[in-house]
């Protein structure tokens, strides 16, 4: 028996990296999981098969984070398959890096759309299906708390928006018995930022522990927040960053 038996979680950007680790961990805790993906269909179906092997229901839905109709369809398909939604994890994201003067208005719109607009609109789509005890977790970044190197202004701005969103939603949804929290990963060993990459040693040097995080470290924090132990935690931000912001 897992802590999430009988519950259903929707995880955006769940085909790889942190999203895949979150979906797998929630499945291990007994939740049915639905993941969205943009392009990596094969990888998405691998996550689904891993979840099903753990004895839960699982589904992958193609949905670009910038496409609100596709996101609403993902919610509808989740409800149709499993009867409702109990947990929403807004994880889908992109890397945006470069000098401020080189960033185009279109890139600003794209990054803000994926990191902030999609999270807000997806919450709107899920709310009619979230009962008391529902959980929302947004995935931010330690760069929203501290930016130790140049080139990350747009990315940091977009992830910082999730701080205000999380606090505002916690107030709006608290009377309904729904919690909303934010997890800020630091340097995490994924395809987008591998621990063997050219900048990895420099990133380790900014941490108190001198190491990268694993995606499973982030997933463990999410699992706590959406499980019984997180029932009285809302409007809060949690750093999983090996002490980069310490």
C-alpha atoms as a PDB file:
ATOM      1  CA  UNK A   1       0.000   0.000   0.000  1.00  0.00           C
ATOM      2  CA  UNK A   2       1.413   3.367  -1.028  1.00  0.00           C
ATOM      3  CA  UNK A   3       0.640   6.767   0.429  1.00  0.00           C
ATOM      4  CA  UNK A   4      -1.099   7.814  -2.803  1.00  0.00           C
ATOM      5  CA  UNK A   5      -3.163   4.695  -3.497  1.00  0.00           C
ATOM      6  CA  UNK A   6      -6.279   5.522  -5.486  1.00  0.00           C
ATOM      7  CA  UNK A   7      -5.199   9.059  -6.356  1.00  0.00           C
ATOM      8  CA  UNK A   8      -4.433  10.431  -9.809  1.00  0.00           C
ATOM      9  CA  UNK A   9      -1.580  12.789 -10.698  1.00  0.00           C
ATOM     10  CA  UNK A  10      -1.091  14.884 -13.826  1.00  0.00           C
ATOM     11  CA  UNK A  11       2.566  15.773 -14.426  1.00  0.00           C
ATOM     12  CA  UNK A  12       3.457  18.113 -17.284  1.00  0.00           C
ATOM     13  CA  UNK A  13       6.730  17.580 -19.100  1.00  0.00           C
ATOM     14  CA  UNK A  14       6.915  14.059 -17.723  1.00  0.00           C
ATOM     15  CA  UNK A  15       8.779  12.238 -20.482  1.00  0.00           C
ATOM     16  CA  UNK A  16      12.293  12.753 -19.139  1.00  0.00           C
ATOM     17  CA  UNK A  17      14.472  14.308 -16.463  1.00  0.00           C
ATOM     18  CA  UNK A  18      12.795  15.681 -13.358  1.00  0.00           C
ATOM     19  CA  UNK A  19       9.287  15.167 -14.731  1.00  0.00           C
ATOM     20  CA  UNK A  20       9.886  11.483 -15.448  1.00  0.00           C
ATOM     21  CA  UNK A  21      11.357  10.997 -11.976  1.00  0.00           C
ATOM     22  CA  UNK A  22       8.338  12.679 -10.375  1.00  0.00           C
ATOM     23  CA  UNK A  23       5.861  10.577 -12.349  1.00  0.00           C
ATOM     24  CA  UNK A  24       7.708   7.373 -11.493  1.00  0.00           C
ATOM     25  CA  UNK A  25       7.943   8.234  -7.797  1.00  0.00           C
ATOM     26  CA  UNK A  26       4.234   9.063  -7.568  1.00  0.00           C
ATOM     27  CA  UNK A  27       3.431   5.792  -9.332  1.00  0.00           C
ATOM     28  CA  UNK A  28       5.603   3.967  -6.795  1.00  0.00           C
ATOM     29  CA  UNK A  29       3.491   5.588  -4.073  1.00  0.00           C
ATOM     30  CA  UNK A  30       0.358   4.164  -5.696  1.00  0.00           C
ATOM     31  CA  UNK A  31      -0.941   7.034  -7.827  1.00  0.00           C
ATOM     32  CA  UNK A  32      -2.243   6.691 -11.339  1.00  0.00           C
ATOM     33  CA  UNK A  33      -0.149   9.047 -13.455  1.00  0.00           C
ATOM     34  CA  UNK A  34      -0.771  11.016 -16.620  1.00  0.00           C
ATOM     35  CA  UNK A  35       2.178  12.784 -18.200  1.00  0.00           C
ATOM     36  CA  UNK A  36       2.297  15.339 -20.964  1.00  0.00           C
ATOM     37  CA  UNK A  37       5.104  15.572 -23.477  1.00  0.00           C
ATOM     38  CA  UNK A  38       5.960  17.814 -26.411  1.00  0.00           C
ATOM     39  CA  UNK A  39       8.137  15.675 -28.702  1.00  0.00           C
ATOM     40  CA  UNK A  40       9.753  12.709 -26.944  1.00  0.00           C
ATOM     41  CA  UNK A  41       6.960  10.207 -27.587  1.00  0.00           C
ATOM     42  CA  UNK A  42       9.141   7.122 -27.159  1.00  0.00           C
ATOM     43  CA  UNK A  43      10.486   8.402 -23.863  1.00  0.00           C
ATOM     44  CA  UNK A  44       6.979   9.252 -22.672  1.00  0.00           C
ATOM     45  CA  UNK A  45       5.770   5.735 -23.340  1.00  0.00           C
ATOM     46  CA  UNK A  46       8.777   4.327 -21.466  1.00  0.00           C
ATOM     47  CA  UNK A  47       7.667   6.296 -18.403  1.00  0.00           C
ATOM     48  CA  UNK A  48       4.129   4.976 -18.846  1.00  0.00           C
ATOM     49  CA  UNK A  49       5.383   1.391 -19.026  1.00  0.00           C
ATOM     50  CA  UNK A  50       7.479   1.858 -15.887  1.00  0.00           C
ATOM     51  CA  UNK A  51       4.448   3.187 -14.051  1.00  0.00           C
ATOM     52  CA  UNK A  52       2.209   0.352 -15.220  1.00  0.00           C
ATOM     53  CA  UNK A  53       4.831  -2.159 -14.114  1.00  0.00           C
ATOM     54  CA  UNK A  54       4.370  -0.735 -10.622  1.00  0.00           C
ATOM     55  CA  UNK A  55       0.703  -1.715 -10.740  1.00  0.00           C
ATOM     56  CA  UNK A  56      -0.953   1.643 -11.422  1.00  0.00           C
ATOM     57  CA  UNK A  57      -2.732   3.171 -14.379  1.00  0.00           C
ATOM     58  CA  UNK A  58      -0.719   5.463 -16.642  1.00  0.00           C
ATOM     59  CA  UNK A  59      -1.245   7.544 -19.765  1.00  0.00           C
ATOM     60  CA  UNK A  60       0.888   9.839 -21.944  1.00  0.00           C
ATOM     61  CA  UNK A  61      -0.704  12.800 -23.736  1.00  0.00           C
ATOM     62  CA  UNK A  62       1.022  14.937 -26.339  1.00  0.00           C
ATOM     63  CA  UNK A  63       0.555  18.580 -25.316  1.00  0.00           C
ATOM     64  CA  UNK A  64       2.777  21.586 -25.938  1.00  0.00           C
ATOM     65  CA  UNK A  65       2.884  23.807 -22.856  1.00  0.00           C
ATOM     66  CA  UNK A  66       2.085  26.821 -25.039  1.00  0.00           C
ATOM     67  CA  UNK A  67      -1.119  25.200 -26.369  1.00  0.00           C
ATOM     68  CA  UNK A  68      -3.913  25.748 -23.856  1.00  0.00           C
ATOM     69  CA  UNK A  69      -6.365  23.633 -25.866  1.00  0.00           C
ATOM     70  CA  UNK A  70      -3.939  20.702 -25.724  1.00  0.00           C
ATOM     71  CA  UNK A  71      -3.473  21.180 -21.983  1.00  0.00           C
ATOM     72  CA  UNK A  72      -7.233  21.251 -21.436  1.00  0.00           C
ATOM     73  CA  UNK A  73      -7.485  18.083 -23.490  1.00  0.00           C
ATOM     74  CA  UNK A  74      -4.886  16.462 -21.237  1.00  0.00           C
ATOM     75  CA  UNK A  75      -7.037  17.290 -18.223  1.00  0.00           C
ATOM     76  CA  UNK A  76     -10.149  15.938 -19.952  1.00  0.00           C
ATOM     77  CA  UNK A  77      -8.382  12.707 -20.890  1.00  0.00           C
ATOM     78  CA  UNK A  78      -7.122  12.311 -17.321  1.00  0.00           C
ATOM     79  CA  UNK A  79     -10.644  12.656 -15.953  1.00  0.00           C
ATOM     80  CA  UNK A  80     -12.048  10.291 -18.582  1.00  0.00           C
ATOM     81  CA  UNK A  81      -9.422   7.641 -17.836  1.00  0.00           C
ATOM     82  CA  UNK A  82      -9.311   7.807 -14.053  1.00  0.00           C
ATOM     83  CA  UNK A  83     -12.398   9.706 -12.916  1.00  0.00           C
ATOM     84  CA  UNK A  84     -10.710  12.861 -11.694  1.00  0.00           C
ATOM     85  CA  UNK A  85      -7.474  14.651 -10.820  1.00  0.00           C
ATOM     86  CA  UNK A  86      -6.045  14.791  -7.309  1.00  0.00           C
ATOM     87  CA  UNK A  87      -2.525  16.101  -7.960  1.00  0.00           C
ATOM     88  CA  UNK A  88      -1.195  18.577 -10.516  1.00  0.00           C
ATOM     89  CA  UNK A  89       2.547  19.024 -10.989  1.00  0.00           C
ATOM     90  CA  UNK A  90       3.436  21.944 -13.262  1.00  0.00           C
ATOM     91  CA  UNK A  91       6.864  20.782 -14.382  1.00  0.00           C
ATOM     92  CA  UNK A  92       7.151  21.493 -18.130  1.00  0.00           C
ATOM     93  CA  UNK A  93      10.013  23.854 -18.857  1.00  0.00           C
ATOM     94  CA  UNK A  94      12.685  25.026 -21.262  1.00  0.00           C
ATOM     95  CA  UNK A  95      16.208  26.320 -20.908  1.00  0.00           C
ATOM     96  CA  UNK A  96      16.654  29.978 -21.773  1.00  0.00           C
ATOM     97  CA  UNK A  97      20.202  31.326 -21.580  1.00  0.00           C
ATOM     98  CA  UNK A  98      22.046  34.202 -23.174  1.00  0.00           C
ATOM     99  CA  UNK A  99      22.973  37.877 -22.883  1.00  0.00           C
ATOM    100  CA  UNK A 100      20.035  40.177 -22.274  1.00  0.00           C
ATOM    101  CA  UNK A 101      20.696  42.148 -25.460  1.00  0.00           C
ATOM    102  CA  UNK A 102      20.427  38.983 -27.570  1.00  0.00           C
ATOM    103  CA  UNK A 103      17.031  37.847 -26.298  1.00  0.00           C
ATOM    104  CA  UNK A 104      14.213  38.483 -28.767  1.00  0.00           C
ATOM    105  CA  UNK A 105      10.685  39.509 -27.788  1.00  0.00           C
ATOM    106  CA  UNK A 106       9.444  36.207 -29.209  1.00  0.00           C
ATOM    107  CA  UNK A 107      11.780  34.295 -26.887  1.00  0.00           C
ATOM    108  CA  UNK A 108      10.561  36.319 -23.905  1.00  0.00           C
ATOM    109  CA  UNK A 109       6.967  35.466 -24.801  1.00  0.00           C
ATOM    110  CA  UNK A 110       7.785  31.779 -25.322  1.00  0.00           C
ATOM    111  CA  UNK A 111       9.595  31.294 -22.024  1.00  0.00           C
ATOM    112  CA  UNK A 112       7.013  33.193 -19.986  1.00  0.00           C
ATOM    113  CA  UNK A 113       4.249  31.267 -21.736  1.00  0.00           C
ATOM    114  CA  UNK A 114       5.739  27.882 -20.867  1.00  0.00           C
ATOM    115  CA  UNK A 115       6.819  28.630 -17.305  1.00  0.00           C
ATOM    116  CA  UNK A 116       4.134  31.019 -16.030  1.00  0.00           C
ATOM    117  CA  UNK A 117       1.125  31.287 -18.357  1.00  0.00           C
ATOM    118  CA  UNK A 118       0.776  27.519 -18.834  1.00  0.00           C
ATOM    119  CA  UNK A 119       0.925  26.884 -15.084  1.00  0.00           C
ATOM    120  CA  UNK A 120      -1.815  29.436 -14.400  1.00  0.00           C
ATOM    121  CA  UNK A 121      -4.100  28.221 -17.183  1.00  0.00           C
ATOM    122  CA  UNK A 122      -3.599  24.574 -16.321  1.00  0.00           C
ATOM    123  CA  UNK A 123      -4.613  25.273 -12.723  1.00  0.00           C
ATOM    124  CA  UNK A 124      -7.789  26.866 -14.095  1.00  0.00           C
ATOM    125  CA  UNK A 125      -8.463  23.757 -16.184  1.00  0.00           C
ATOM    126  CA  UNK A 126      -7.876  21.351 -13.293  1.00  0.00           C
ATOM    127  CA  UNK A 127      -9.775  23.232 -10.580  1.00  0.00           C
ATOM    128  CA  UNK A 128     -13.272  21.944 -11.431  1.00  0.00           C
ATOM    129  CA  UNK A 129     -11.965  18.436 -10.785  1.00  0.00           C
ATOM    130  CA  UNK A 130      -9.878  19.044  -7.633  1.00  0.00           C
ATOM    131  CA  UNK A 131     -11.672  18.051  -4.442  1.00  0.00           C
ATOM    132  CA  UNK A 132     -10.650  18.963  -0.901  1.00  0.00           C
ATOM    133  CA  UNK A 133      -7.288  17.323  -0.297  1.00  0.00           C
ATOM    134  CA  UNK A 134      -6.114  18.181  -3.806  1.00  0.00           C
ATOM    135  CA  UNK A 135      -2.490  19.162  -4.284  1.00  0.00           C
ATOM    136  CA  UNK A 136      -0.721  21.476  -6.727  1.00  0.00           C
ATOM    137  CA  UNK A 137       3.068  21.596  -6.955  1.00  0.00           C
ATOM    138  CA  UNK A 138       4.897  24.019  -9.241  1.00  0.00           C
ATOM    139  CA  UNK A 139       8.479  23.279 -10.267  1.00  0.00           C
ATOM    140  CA  UNK A 140      10.606  26.414 -10.227  1.00  0.00           C
ATOM    141  CA  UNK A 141      14.366  26.873 -10.028  1.00  0.00           C
ATOM    142  CA  UNK A 142      16.969  27.919  -7.487  1.00  0.00           C
ATOM    143  CA  UNK A 143      17.764  30.708  -9.968  1.00  0.00           C
ATOM    144  CA  UNK A 144      14.538  32.353  -8.832  1.00  0.00           C
ATOM    145  CA  UNK A 145      16.221  32.833  -5.445  1.00  0.00           C
ATOM    146  CA  UNK A 146      19.807  33.543  -6.493  1.00  0.00           C
ATOM    147  CA  UNK A 147      21.456  34.087  -9.874  1.00  0.00           C
ATOM    148  CA  UNK A 148      25.211  33.558  -9.373  1.00  0.00           C
ATOM    149  CA  UNK A 149      26.276  33.843 -13.023  1.00  0.00           C
ATOM    150  CA  UNK A 150      25.264  35.923 -16.049  1.00  0.00           C
ATOM    151  CA  UNK A 151      22.955  35.033 -18.903  1.00  0.00           C
ATOM    152  CA  UNK A 152      19.973  33.758 -16.928  1.00  0.00           C
ATOM    153  CA  UNK A 153      17.831  36.875 -16.480  1.00  0.00           C
ATOM    154  CA  UNK A 154      14.904  35.700 -18.610  1.00  0.00           C
ATOM    155  CA  UNK A 155      14.894  32.204 -17.127  1.00  0.00           C
ATOM    156  CA  UNK A 156      15.104  33.549 -13.568  1.00  0.00           C
ATOM    157  CA  UNK A 157      12.308  36.043 -14.237  1.00  0.00           C
ATOM    158  CA  UNK A 158      10.012  33.348 -15.601  1.00  0.00           C
ATOM    159  CA  UNK A 159      10.636  31.017 -12.664  1.00  0.00           C
ATOM    160  CA  UNK A 160      10.282  33.861 -10.148  1.00  0.00           C
ATOM    161  CA  UNK A 161       6.736  34.363 -11.407  1.00  0.00           C
ATOM    162  CA  UNK A 162       5.884  30.984  -9.886  1.00  0.00           C
ATOM    163  CA  UNK A 163       6.622  32.323  -6.406  1.00  0.00           C
ATOM    164  CA  UNK A 164       3.805  34.847  -6.659  1.00  0.00           C
ATOM    165  CA  UNK A 165       1.533  32.348  -8.373  1.00  0.00           C
ATOM    166  CA  UNK A 166       2.084  29.776  -5.635  1.00  0.00           C
ATOM    167  CA  UNK A 167       1.436  32.213  -2.797  1.00  0.00           C
ATOM    168  CA  UNK A 168      -1.636  33.676  -4.465  1.00  0.00           C
ATOM    169  CA  UNK A 169      -3.116  30.283  -5.273  1.00  0.00           C
ATOM    170  CA  UNK A 170      -2.472  29.066  -1.732  1.00  0.00           C
ATOM    171  CA  UNK A 171      -4.684  31.887  -0.440  1.00  0.00           C
ATOM    172  CA  UNK A 172      -7.339  31.385  -3.121  1.00  0.00           C
ATOM    173  CA  UNK A 173      -7.550  27.625  -2.774  1.00  0.00           C
ATOM    174  CA  UNK A 174      -6.903  27.146   0.940  1.00  0.00           C
ATOM    175  CA  UNK A 175     -10.604  27.485   1.804  1.00  0.00           C
ATOM    176  CA  UNK A 176     -11.265  24.594  -0.601  1.00  0.00           C
ATOM    177  CA  UNK A 177      -8.761  22.369   1.211  1.00  0.00           C
ATOM    178  CA  UNK A 178      -6.278  22.442  -1.690  1.00  0.00           C
ATOM    179  CA  UNK A 179      -2.578  23.008  -1.049  1.00  0.00           C
ATOM    180  CA  UNK A 180      -0.197  24.750  -3.454  1.00  0.00           C
ATOM    181  CA  UNK A 181       3.577  24.628  -3.108  1.00  0.00           C
ATOM    182  CA  UNK A 182       6.735  25.318  -5.083  1.00  0.00           C
ATOM    183  CA  UNK A 183       9.883  23.213  -5.433  1.00  0.00           C
ATOM    184  CA  UNK A 184      13.074  24.911  -6.627  1.00  0.00           C
ATOM    185  CA  UNK A 185      15.607  22.436  -8.058  1.00  0.00           C
ATOM    186  CA  UNK A 186      19.213  23.507  -8.316  1.00  0.00           C
ATOM    187  CA  UNK A 187      21.753  21.949 -10.661  1.00  0.00           C
ATOM    188  CA  UNK A 188      20.234  18.546 -11.386  1.00  0.00           C
ATOM    189  CA  UNK A 189      21.727  15.736 -13.434  1.00  0.00           C
ATOM    190  CA  UNK A 190      19.474  15.668 -16.512  1.00  0.00           C
ATOM    191  CA  UNK A 191      19.971  15.741 -20.260  1.00  0.00           C
ATOM    192  CA  UNK A 192      19.528  19.507 -20.224  1.00  0.00           C
ATOM    193  CA  UNK A 193      22.226  19.982 -17.570  1.00  0.00           C
ATOM    194  CA  UNK A 194      24.302  16.807 -17.172  1.00  0.00           C
ATOM    195  CA  UNK A 195      26.610  16.383 -14.197  1.00  0.00           C
ATOM    196  CA  UNK A 196      29.340  15.582 -16.731  1.00  0.00           C
ATOM    197  CA  UNK A 197      28.757  18.746 -18.780  1.00  0.00           C
ATOM    198  CA  UNK A 198      31.343  21.462 -19.479  1.00  0.00           C
ATOM    199  CA  UNK A 199      29.959  23.810 -16.799  1.00  0.00           C
ATOM    200  CA  UNK A 200      29.259  21.152 -14.181  1.00  0.00           C
ATOM    201  CA  UNK A 201      32.342  21.745 -12.037  1.00  0.00           C
ATOM    202  CA  UNK A 202      31.594  25.458 -11.856  1.00  0.00           C
ATOM    203  CA  UNK A 203      28.017  24.732 -10.829  1.00  0.00           C
ATOM    204  CA  UNK A 204      29.155  22.293  -8.145  1.00  0.00           C
ATOM    205  CA  UNK A 205      31.437  24.972  -6.757  1.00  0.00           C
ATOM    206  CA  UNK A 206      28.401  27.151  -5.986  1.00  0.00           C
ATOM    207  CA  UNK A 207      26.817  24.472  -3.778  1.00  0.00           C
ATOM    208  CA  UNK A 208      27.410  23.869  -0.098  1.00  0.00           C
ATOM    209  CA  UNK A 209      27.549  20.106  -0.625  1.00  0.00           C
ATOM    210  CA  UNK A 210      29.743  20.241  -3.705  1.00  0.00           C
ATOM    211  CA  UNK A 211      27.523  18.028  -5.827  1.00  0.00           C
ATOM    212  CA  UNK A 212      24.672  17.898  -8.295  1.00  0.00           C
ATOM    213  CA  UNK A 213      21.215  16.738  -7.315  1.00  0.00           C
ATOM    214  CA  UNK A 214      19.546  13.700  -8.858  1.00  0.00           C
ATOM    215  CA  UNK A 215      16.040  14.010 -10.356  1.00  0.00           C
ATOM    216  CA  UNK A 216      14.900  11.566  -7.682  1.00  0.00           C
ATOM    217  CA  UNK A 217      15.853  14.103  -4.999  1.00  0.00           C
ATOM    218  CA  UNK A 218      13.328  16.546  -6.429  1.00  0.00           C
ATOM    219  CA  UNK A 219      10.752  13.782  -6.857  1.00  0.00           C
ATOM    220  CA  UNK A 220      11.072  12.828  -3.182  1.00  0.00           C
ATOM    221  CA  UNK A 221      10.207  16.360  -2.090  1.00  0.00           C
ATOM    222  CA  UNK A 222       7.213  16.456  -4.435  1.00  0.00           C
ATOM    223  CA  UNK A 223       6.024  13.081  -3.123  1.00  0.00           C
ATOM    224  CA  UNK A 224       6.131  14.393   0.439  1.00  0.00           C
ATOM    225  CA  UNK A 225       4.169  17.509  -0.442  1.00  0.00           C
ATOM    226  CA  UNK A 226       1.401  15.604  -2.231  1.00  0.00           C
ATOM    227  CA  UNK A 227       1.270  12.849   0.376  1.00  0.00           C
ATOM    228  CA  UNK A 228      -0.250  12.812   3.868  1.00  0.00           C
ATOM    229  CA  UNK A 229       2.780  14.550   5.355  1.00  0.00           C
ATOM    230  CA  UNK A 230       2.138  17.646   3.247  1.00  0.00           C
ATOM    231  CA  UNK A 231      -1.462  18.260   4.268  1.00  0.00           C
ATOM    232  CA  UNK A 232      -0.672  21.390   6.293  1.00  0.00           C
ATOM    233  CA  UNK A 233       2.006  22.798   4.002  1.00  0.00           C
ATOM    234  CA  UNK A 234       0.882  25.440   1.514  1.00  0.00           C
ATOM    235  CA  UNK A 235       2.185  28.622  -0.066  1.00  0.00           C
ATOM    236  CA  UNK A 236       5.734  27.476   0.615  1.00  0.00           C
ATOM    237  CA  UNK A 237       8.915  27.203  -1.480  1.00  0.00           C
ATOM    238  CA  UNK A 238      11.424  24.373  -1.063  1.00  0.00           C
ATOM    239  CA  UNK A 239      14.984  24.409  -2.358  1.00  0.00           C
ATOM    240  CA  UNK A 240      16.450  21.097  -3.527  1.00  0.00           C
ATOM    241  CA  UNK A 241      19.770  22.540  -4.611  1.00  0.00           C
ATOM    242  CA  UNK A 242      22.608  20.994  -2.554  1.00  0.00           C
ATOM    243  CA  UNK A 243      22.882  24.320  -0.744  1.00  0.00           C
ATOM    244  CA  UNK A 244      23.437  26.580  -3.740  1.00  0.00           C
ATOM    245  CA  UNK A 245      21.369  29.324  -2.130  1.00  0.00           C
ATOM    246  CA  UNK A 246      22.683  28.727   1.404  1.00  0.00           C
END
